[in-house]
C-alpha atoms as a PDB file:
ATOM      1  CA  MET A   1       0.005   0.193   0.070  1.00  0.00           C
ATOM      2  CA  ASP A   2       1.227   3.464  -0.771  1.00  0.00           C
ATOM      3  CA  GLU A   3       2.687   5.245   2.330  1.00  0.00           C
ATOM      4  CA  LYS A   4       0.781   8.371   1.756  1.00  0.00           C
ATOM      5  CA  LEU A   5      -2.581   6.578   1.709  1.00  0.00           C
ATOM      6  CA  ASN A   6      -1.527   4.515   4.579  1.00  0.00           C
ATOM      7  CA  MET A   7      -0.720   7.622   6.775  1.00  0.00           C
ATOM      8  CA  SER A   8      -4.206   9.337   5.463  1.00  0.00           C
ATOM      9  CA  ILE A   9      -6.011   6.287   6.433  1.00  0.00           C
ATOM     10  CA  ARG A  10      -4.442   6.237  10.090  1.00  0.00           C
ATOM     11  CA  ARG A  11      -4.894   9.864  10.700  1.00  0.00           C
ATOM     12  CA  PHE A  12      -8.744   9.460   9.787  1.00  0.00           C
ATOM     13  CA  LEU A  13      -9.002   6.285  12.067  1.00  0.00           C
ATOM     14  CA  LYS A  14      -7.417   8.166  14.761  1.00  0.00           C
ATOM     15  CA  LYS A  15      -9.829  11.221  14.520  1.00  0.00           C
ATOM     16  CA  VAL A  16     -12.665   8.401  14.384  1.00  0.00           C
ATOM     17  CA  GLY A  17     -11.260   6.986  17.479  1.00  0.00           C
ATOM     18  CA  ILE A  18     -10.883   9.889  19.664  1.00  0.00           C
ATOM     19  CA  THR A  19     -13.963  11.636  18.669  1.00  0.00           C
ATOM     20  CA  SER A  20     -16.217   8.289  19.119  1.00  0.00           C
ATOM     21  CA  GLN A  21     -14.629   7.931  22.520  1.00  0.00           C
ATOM     22  CA  ASN A  22     -15.533  11.474  23.597  1.00  0.00           C
ATOM     23  CA  GLU A  23     -18.966  11.300  22.479  1.00  0.00           C
ATOM     24  CA  ILE A  24     -19.580   8.025  24.025  1.00  0.00           C
ATOM     25  CA  GLU A  25     -18.133   9.344  27.364  1.00  0.00           C
ATOM     26  CA  LYS A  26     -20.460  12.402  26.898  1.00  0.00           C
ATOM     27  CA  ALA A  27     -23.693  10.170  26.640  1.00  0.00           C
ATOM     28  CA  TRP A  28     -22.665   7.460  28.967  1.00  0.00           C
ATOM     29  CA  LYS A  29     -25.141   7.202  31.869  1.00  0.00           C
ATOM     30  CA  ASP A  30     -24.828   4.463  34.628  1.00  0.00           C
ATOM     31  CA  ASN A  31     -25.405   1.761  32.237  1.00  0.00           C
ATOM     32  CA  LYS A  32     -23.542  -1.429  32.878  1.00  0.00           C
ATOM     33  CA  LEU A  33     -23.352  -2.961  29.525  1.00  0.00           C
ATOM     34  CA  VAL A  34     -24.527  -1.503  26.247  1.00  0.00           C
ATOM     35  CA  LYS A  35     -24.691  -2.638  22.648  1.00  0.00           C
ATOM     36  CA  VAL A  36     -22.662  -0.573  20.194  1.00  0.00           C
ATOM     37  CA  LYS A  37     -22.565  -0.579  16.280  1.00  0.00           C
ATOM     38  CA  MET A  38     -20.046   1.243  14.139  1.00  0.00           C
ATOM     39  CA  VAL A  39     -20.636   1.743  10.309  1.00  0.00           C
ATOM     40  CA  LEU A  40     -18.115   2.619   7.948  1.00  0.00           C
ATOM     41  CA  THR A  41     -19.353   3.863   4.655  1.00  0.00           C
ATOM     42  CA  ILE A  42     -17.134   4.923   1.688  1.00  0.00           C
ATOM     43  CA  GLU A  43     -19.801   5.556  -1.000  1.00  0.00           C
ATOM     44  CA  GLU A  44     -17.118   6.225  -3.836  1.00  0.00           C
ATOM     45  CA  LEU A  45     -15.774   2.715  -3.180  1.00  0.00           C
ATOM     46  CA  GLY A  46     -18.815   0.946  -2.684  1.00  0.00           C
ATOM     47  CA  LEU A  47     -17.812   0.045   0.831  1.00  0.00           C
ATOM     48  CA  LYS A  48     -20.090  -0.467   3.826  1.00  0.00           C
ATOM     49  CA  HIS A  49     -18.389  -2.147   7.026  1.00  0.00           C
ATOM     50  CA  THR A  50     -20.159  -2.754  10.146  1.00  0.00           C
ATOM     51  CA  ILE A  51     -18.665  -3.739  13.601  1.00  0.00           C
ATOM     52  CA  GLU A  52     -20.921  -4.676  16.390  1.00  0.00           C
ATOM     53  CA  GLY A  53     -20.033  -5.080  20.057  1.00  0.00           C
ATOM     54  CA  GLU A  54     -20.667  -4.236  23.584  1.00  0.00           C
ATOM     55  CA  ILE A  55     -18.936  -1.751  25.947  1.00  0.00           C
ATOM     56  CA  GLY A  56     -19.250  -1.566  29.689  1.00  0.00           C
ATOM     57  CA  GLU A  57     -19.203  -4.057  32.704  1.00  0.00           C
ATOM     58  CA  ASP A  58     -21.031  -7.282  32.850  1.00  0.00           C
END
């Protein structure tokens, strides 16, 4: 993979990670376990990738 593309992707994903964590922390109530879903969409590439999971304590 091209190094410039690789760095561009990494910068974007870092921004996604940091801003997502901040938004979750702002919205967090005293929930012990919540379901989460993240959808990555790149229309120009025909890409739609979904990640599902849970965060919190059991």
